[in-house]
Amino acid sequence: MIAGVDLKAEPDDVAGILIDLAERETKSFSLQFAHKLVGELKTATRLHKTPLKSAGFRVLRAPDVPSVLVELGYVSNRQDLQSLLSETWRNRTAETIAKAIETYFATHMAGTRAGAN
């Protein structure tokens, strides 16, 4: 199943094309959201000099579920640890992430195309 479509009844070549299309769209949505999230987080906290990176983590590779991984700091870094221990920082950062998610879904609701609003 990809994006709610059972591909068992489809010929292998058709299923492969559909999987490829779903993966491309998912990567595009993930990248769009990652850019939006970084833009929002810049207003709330200090970011790494190169805040957008990619990795092949299994949880980020679902062919039909857009995803991002948010790394907020390292406990081995004194400044990061101070931030992570600050309730004010955690609340501000969580609210910023929630805002980015809400904004993303407001413009990318299920059944609509990106930018259709």
N, C-alpha and C. Protein backbone atom coordinates (compact mmCIF):
# COMPACT_ATOMS: atom_id res chain seq x y z
N MET A 1 0.84 -1.18 0.00
CA MET A 1 0.00 0.00 0.00
C MET A 1 0.89 1.25 0.00
N ILE A 2 0.59 2.15 -0.90
CA ILE A 2 1.27 3.44 -0.97
C ILE A 2 0.18 4.50 -1.10
N ALA A 3 0.19 5.46 -0.18
CA ALA A 3 -0.78 6.56 -0.22
C ALA A 3 -2.21 6.03 -0.31
N GLY A 4 -2.48 4.93 0.38
CA GLY A 4 -3.82 4.37 0.41
C GLY A 4 -4.20 3.53 -0.80
N VAL A 5 -3.26 3.28 -1.69
CA VAL A 5 -3.53 2.50 -2.90
C VAL A 5 -2.86 1.14 -2.77
N ASP A 6 -3.65 0.08 -2.94
CA ASP A 6 -3.11 -1.28 -2.89
C ASP A 6 -2.48 -1.59 -4.24
N LEU A 7 -1.18 -1.80 -4.25
CA LEU A 7 -0.45 -2.01 -5.49
C LEU A 7 -0.32 -3.48 -5.88
N LYS A 8 -0.88 -4.38 -5.08
CA LYS A 8 -0.75 -5.81 -5.38
C LYS A 8 -1.36 -6.18 -6.73
N ALA A 9 -2.45 -5.51 -7.10
CA ALA A 9 -3.14 -5.83 -8.34
C ALA A 9 -2.50 -5.17 -9.56
N GLU A 10 -1.55 -4.28 -9.33
CA GLU A 10 -0.91 -3.55 -10.43
C GLU A 10 0.28 -4.33 -10.97
N PRO A 11 0.53 -4.22 -12.28
CA PRO A 11 1.76 -4.82 -12.83
C PRO A 11 2.98 -4.20 -12.15
N ASP A 12 4.05 -4.95 -12.08
CA ASP A 12 5.26 -4.49 -11.38
C ASP A 12 5.76 -3.15 -11.89
N ASP A 13 5.76 -2.96 -13.22
CA ASP A 13 6.27 -1.70 -13.75
C ASP A 13 5.39 -0.52 -13.36
N VAL A 14 4.08 -0.71 -13.36
CA VAL A 14 3.15 0.35 -12.95
C VAL A 14 3.32 0.63 -11.45
N ALA A 15 3.42 -0.42 -10.64
CA ALA A 15 3.62 -0.26 -9.20
C ALA A 15 4.91 0.49 -8.93
N GLY A 16 5.97 0.16 -9.67
CA GLY A 16 7.25 0.83 -9.50
C GLY A 16 7.15 2.32 -9.81
N ILE A 17 6.44 2.66 -10.86
CA ILE A 17 6.26 4.06 -11.22
C ILE A 17 5.46 4.79 -10.15
N LEU A 18 4.40 4.17 -9.66
CA LEU A 18 3.58 4.79 -8.62
C LEU A 18 4.36 5.00 -7.33
N ILE A 19 5.19 4.01 -6.98
CA ILE A 19 6.03 4.14 -5.78
C ILE A 19 7.02 5.28 -5.97
N ASP A 20 7.64 5.35 -7.14
CA ASP A 20 8.60 6.41 -7.43
C ASP A 20 7.94 7.79 -7.33
N LEU A 21 6.75 7.93 -7.90
CA LEU A 21 6.03 9.21 -7.83
C LEU A 21 5.69 9.58 -6.39
N ALA A 22 5.23 8.60 -5.61
CA ALA A 22 4.90 8.87 -4.20
C ALA A 22 6.15 9.28 -3.42
N GLU A 23 7.26 8.61 -3.67
CA GLU A 23 8.52 8.95 -2.99
C GLU A 23 8.98 10.36 -3.34
N ARG A 24 8.88 10.72 -4.61
CA ARG A 24 9.28 12.07 -5.02
C ARG A 24 8.42 13.14 -4.36
N GLU A 25 7.11 12.90 -4.37
CA GLU A 25 6.20 13.87 -3.75
C GLU A 25 6.46 13.97 -2.25
N THR A 26 6.69 12.85 -1.61
CA THR A 26 6.96 12.83 -0.18
C THR A 26 8.25 13.59 0.14
N LYS A 27 9.30 13.36 -0.63
CA LYS A 27 10.56 14.08 -0.42
C LYS A 27 10.35 15.58 -0.59
N SER A 28 9.58 15.95 -1.60
CA SER A 28 9.30 17.36 -1.84
C SER A 28 8.55 17.98 -0.65
N PHE A 29 7.53 17.30 -0.16
CA PHE A 29 6.78 17.81 0.98
C PHE A 29 7.67 17.91 2.21
N SER A 30 8.51 16.92 2.43
CA SER A 30 9.42 16.93 3.59
C SER A 30 10.37 18.12 3.50
N LEU A 31 10.93 18.36 2.34
CA LEU A 31 11.86 19.48 2.15
C LEU A 31 11.15 20.82 2.34
N GLN A 32 9.94 20.94 1.79
CA GLN A 32 9.16 22.17 1.97
C GLN A 32 8.93 22.43 3.46
N PHE A 33 8.52 21.39 4.18
CA PHE A 33 8.27 21.57 5.60
C PHE A 33 9.56 21.89 6.36
N ALA A 34 10.64 21.22 6.01
CA ALA A 34 11.92 21.47 6.68
C ALA A 34 12.33 22.94 6.52
N HIS A 35 12.17 23.49 5.33
CA HIS A 35 12.49 24.90 5.11
C HIS A 35 11.59 25.80 5.95
N LYS A 36 10.31 25.49 5.98
CA LYS A 36 9.36 26.27 6.79
C LYS A 36 9.74 26.19 8.27
N LEU A 37 10.05 25.01 8.73
CA LEU A 37 10.41 24.81 10.14
C LEU A 37 11.67 25.59 10.51
N VAL A 38 12.69 25.51 9.68
CA VAL A 38 13.93 26.25 9.95
C VAL A 38 13.65 27.75 9.98
N GLY A 39 12.84 28.22 9.04
CA GLY A 39 12.49 29.64 9.03
C GLY A 39 11.81 30.08 10.31
N GLU A 40 10.93 29.26 10.82
CA GLU A 40 10.24 29.56 12.08
C GLU A 40 11.20 29.47 13.27
N LEU A 41 12.03 28.43 13.28
CA LEU A 41 12.94 28.24 14.41
C LEU A 41 13.99 29.34 14.52
N LYS A 42 14.35 29.95 13.39
CA LYS A 42 15.33 31.04 13.41
C LYS A 42 14.87 32.18 14.31
N THR A 43 13.55 32.35 14.43
CA THR A 43 13.02 33.43 15.25
C THR A 43 12.97 33.05 16.73
N ALA A 44 13.12 31.78 17.03
CA ALA A 44 12.93 31.32 18.41
C ALA A 44 14.20 30.90 19.12
N THR A 45 15.20 30.46 18.37
CA THR A 45 16.39 29.91 19.02
C THR A 45 17.60 30.00 18.10
N ARG A 46 18.74 29.79 18.67
CA ARG A 46 19.99 29.76 17.92
C ARG A 46 20.05 28.44 17.15
N LEU A 47 20.43 28.52 15.87
CA LEU A 47 20.51 27.33 15.03
C LEU A 47 21.95 27.05 14.64
N HIS A 48 22.21 25.83 14.26
CA HIS A 48 23.51 25.43 13.72
C HIS A 48 23.77 26.23 12.45
N LYS A 49 25.03 26.43 12.10
CA LYS A 49 25.35 27.25 10.91
C LYS A 49 24.78 26.66 9.63
N THR A 50 24.61 25.35 9.57
CA THR A 50 23.94 24.70 8.44
C THR A 50 22.77 23.87 9.00
N PRO A 51 21.62 24.52 9.21
CA PRO A 51 20.53 23.84 9.92
C PRO A 51 19.81 22.77 9.12
N LEU A 52 19.90 22.79 7.79
CA LEU A 52 19.23 21.77 6.99
C LEU A 52 20.23 20.73 6.53
N LYS A 53 19.98 19.51 6.94
CA LYS A 53 20.81 18.38 6.53
C LYS A 53 19.88 17.23 6.18
N SER A 54 20.41 16.21 5.57
CA SER A 54 19.60 15.04 5.28
C SER A 54 20.35 13.79 5.70
N ALA A 55 19.58 12.75 5.94
CA ALA A 55 20.16 11.47 6.35
C ALA A 55 19.22 10.35 5.92
N GLY A 56 19.75 9.17 5.83
CA GLY A 56 18.97 8.03 5.39
C GLY A 56 18.36 7.23 6.53
N PHE A 57 18.02 7.89 7.63
CA PHE A 57 17.40 7.18 8.74
C PHE A 57 16.11 6.51 8.28
N ARG A 58 15.90 5.31 8.70
CA ARG A 58 14.71 4.55 8.28
C ARG A 58 13.42 5.30 8.57
N VAL A 59 13.33 5.96 9.71
CA VAL A 59 12.10 6.67 10.06
C VAL A 59 11.83 7.85 9.13
N LEU A 60 12.83 8.28 8.38
CA LEU A 60 12.66 9.41 7.45
C LEU A 60 12.44 8.95 6.02
N ARG A 61 12.38 7.65 5.78
CA ARG A 61 12.33 7.15 4.41
C ARG A 61 11.01 6.53 4.00
N ALA A 62 9.95 6.73 4.76
CA ALA A 62 8.66 6.18 4.35
C ALA A 62 8.29 6.78 2.99
N PRO A 63 7.87 5.96 2.05
CA PRO A 63 7.61 6.47 0.71
C PRO A 63 6.41 7.40 0.60
N ASP A 64 5.52 7.37 1.59
CA ASP A 64 4.30 8.17 1.47
C ASP A 64 3.97 9.00 2.72
N VAL A 65 4.94 9.18 3.61
CA VAL A 65 4.73 9.97 4.82
C VAL A 65 5.84 11.01 4.94
N PRO A 66 5.52 12.29 4.65
CA PRO A 66 6.55 13.32 4.79
C PRO A 66 7.06 13.35 6.24
N SER A 67 8.36 13.59 6.40
CA SER A 67 8.91 13.59 7.74
C SER A 67 10.18 14.43 7.81
N VAL A 68 10.45 14.93 9.00
CA VAL A 68 11.69 15.64 9.29
C VAL A 68 12.16 15.18 10.67
N LEU A 69 13.43 15.31 10.90
CA LEU A 69 14.02 15.01 12.20
C LEU A 69 14.52 16.32 12.77
N VAL A 70 14.09 16.66 13.98
CA VAL A 70 14.50 17.90 14.62
C VAL A 70 15.51 17.57 15.71
N GLU A 71 16.69 18.10 15.58
CA GLU A 71 17.73 17.91 16.58
C GLU A 71 17.89 19.24 17.30
N LEU A 72 17.57 19.26 18.58
CA LEU A 72 17.53 20.51 19.33
C LEU A 72 18.82 20.86 20.06
N GLY A 73 19.71 19.93 20.22
CA GLY A 73 20.96 20.23 20.89
C GLY A 73 21.63 18.97 21.39
N TYR A 74 22.80 19.19 21.98
CA TYR A 74 23.59 18.10 22.52
C TYR A 74 23.79 18.34 24.00
N VAL A 75 23.54 17.32 24.80
CA VAL A 75 23.76 17.47 26.24
C VAL A 75 25.24 17.62 26.56
N SER A 76 26.11 17.26 25.64
CA SER A 76 27.55 17.42 25.86
C SER A 76 28.02 18.84 25.57
N ASN A 77 27.15 19.68 25.02
CA ASN A 77 27.47 21.08 24.75
C ASN A 77 26.85 21.92 25.86
N ARG A 78 27.67 22.67 26.56
CA ARG A 78 27.22 23.43 27.74
C ARG A 78 26.07 24.39 27.41
N GLN A 79 26.20 25.13 26.30
CA GLN A 79 25.16 26.09 25.93
C GLN A 79 23.87 25.37 25.52
N ASP A 80 23.99 24.29 24.78
CA ASP A 80 22.81 23.51 24.41
C ASP A 80 22.13 22.94 25.64
N LEU A 81 22.92 22.43 26.56
CA LEU A 81 22.36 21.86 27.79
C LEU A 81 21.59 22.91 28.58
N GLN A 82 22.14 24.12 28.68
CA GLN A 82 21.43 25.20 29.38
C GLN A 82 20.08 25.45 28.72
N SER A 83 20.06 25.49 27.41
CA SER A 83 18.79 25.70 26.70
C SER A 83 17.84 24.55 26.97
N LEU A 84 18.30 23.33 26.84
CA LEU A 84 17.45 22.16 27.03
C LEU A 84 16.86 22.10 28.44
N LEU A 85 17.59 22.62 29.42
CA LEU A 85 17.11 22.62 30.81
C LEU A 85 16.18 23.79 31.11
N SER A 86 16.10 24.75 30.20
CA SER A 86 15.26 25.93 30.41
C SER A 86 13.82 25.67 29.98
N GLU A 87 12.90 25.75 30.92
CA GLU A 87 11.49 25.55 30.59
C GLU A 87 11.00 26.61 29.61
N THR A 88 11.47 27.83 29.78
CA THR A 88 11.09 28.91 28.87
C THR A 88 11.54 28.59 27.45
N TRP A 89 12.79 28.15 27.28
CA TRP A 89 13.32 27.81 25.96
C TRP A 89 12.54 26.64 25.37
N ARG A 90 12.30 25.61 26.18
CA ARG A 90 11.56 24.43 25.68
C ARG A 90 10.16 24.81 25.23
N ASN A 91 9.47 25.64 26.03
CA ASN A 91 8.11 26.05 25.66
C ASN A 91 8.11 26.87 24.38
N ARG A 92 9.03 27.84 24.27
CA ARG A 92 9.12 28.68 23.08
C ARG A 92 9.43 27.83 21.85
N THR A 93 10.36 26.91 21.99
CA THR A 93 10.75 26.06 20.87
C THR A 93 9.62 25.12 20.47
N ALA A 94 8.95 24.53 21.43
CA ALA A 94 7.82 23.64 21.14
C ALA A 94 6.68 24.39 20.46
N GLU A 95 6.40 25.60 20.94
CA GLU A 95 5.35 26.42 20.32
C GLU A 95 5.72 26.78 18.89
N THR A 96 6.98 27.05 18.64
CA THR A 96 7.44 27.39 17.29
C THR A 96 7.30 26.20 16.36
N ILE A 97 7.66 25.03 16.83
CA ILE A 97 7.53 23.81 16.02
C ILE A 97 6.05 23.54 15.74
N ALA A 98 5.20 23.68 16.76
CA ALA A 98 3.76 23.48 16.58
C ALA A 98 3.20 24.47 15.56
N LYS A 99 3.64 25.71 15.61
CA LYS A 99 3.18 26.73 14.66
C LYS A 99 3.58 26.35 13.24
N ALA A 100 4.80 25.88 13.06
CA ALA A 100 5.26 25.48 11.72
C ALA A 100 4.43 24.30 11.20
N ILE A 101 4.10 23.37 12.08
CA ILE A 101 3.27 22.22 11.68
C ILE A 101 1.88 22.69 11.29
N GLU A 102 1.28 23.54 12.11
CA GLU A 102 -0.06 24.06 11.81
C GLU A 102 -0.07 24.82 10.48
N THR A 103 0.93 25.65 10.26
CA THR A 103 1.02 26.42 9.00
C THR A 103 1.17 25.48 7.82
N TYR A 104 2.01 24.46 7.97
CA TYR A 104 2.21 23.51 6.88
C TYR A 104 0.90 22.81 6.53
N PHE A 105 0.21 22.28 7.54
CA PHE A 105 -1.01 21.54 7.27
C PHE A 105 -2.15 22.44 6.81
N ALA A 106 -2.13 23.69 7.19
CA ALA A 106 -3.16 24.62 6.72
C ALA A 106 -3.06 24.81 5.21
N THR A 107 -1.86 24.68 4.67
CA THR A 107 -1.67 24.86 3.23
C THR A 107 -1.50 23.55 2.47
N HIS A 108 -1.40 22.44 3.17
CA HIS A 108 -1.20 21.13 2.53
C HIS A 108 -2.17 20.09 3.08
N MET A 109 -3.42 20.42 3.18
CA MET A 109 -4.40 19.47 3.73
C MET A 109 -4.54 18.26 2.80
N ALA A 110 -4.92 17.13 3.38
CA ALA A 110 -5.12 15.92 2.60
C ALA A 110 -6.12 16.18 1.48
N GLY A 111 -5.76 15.73 0.29
CA GLY A 111 -6.66 15.88 -0.85
C GLY A 111 -6.44 17.17 -1.62
N THR A 112 -5.54 18.04 -1.15
CA THR A 112 -5.26 19.27 -1.89
C THR A 112 -3.84 19.22 -2.40
N ARG A 113 -3.54 20.02 -3.36
CA ARG A 113 -2.19 20.09 -3.91
C ARG A 113 -1.46 21.24 -3.24
N ALA A 114 -0.15 21.17 -3.18
CA ALA A 114 0.66 22.25 -2.63
C ALA A 114 0.38 23.53 -3.40
N GLY A 115 0.14 24.61 -2.66
CA GLY A 115 -0.09 25.90 -3.28
C GLY A 115 -1.47 26.08 -3.87
N ALA A 116 -2.39 25.13 -3.66
CA ALA A 116 -3.72 25.23 -4.24
C ALA A 116 -4.59 26.23 -3.51
N ASN A 117 -4.19 26.66 -2.32
CA ASN A 117 -5.01 27.61 -1.56
C ASN A 117 -4.79 29.02 -1.98
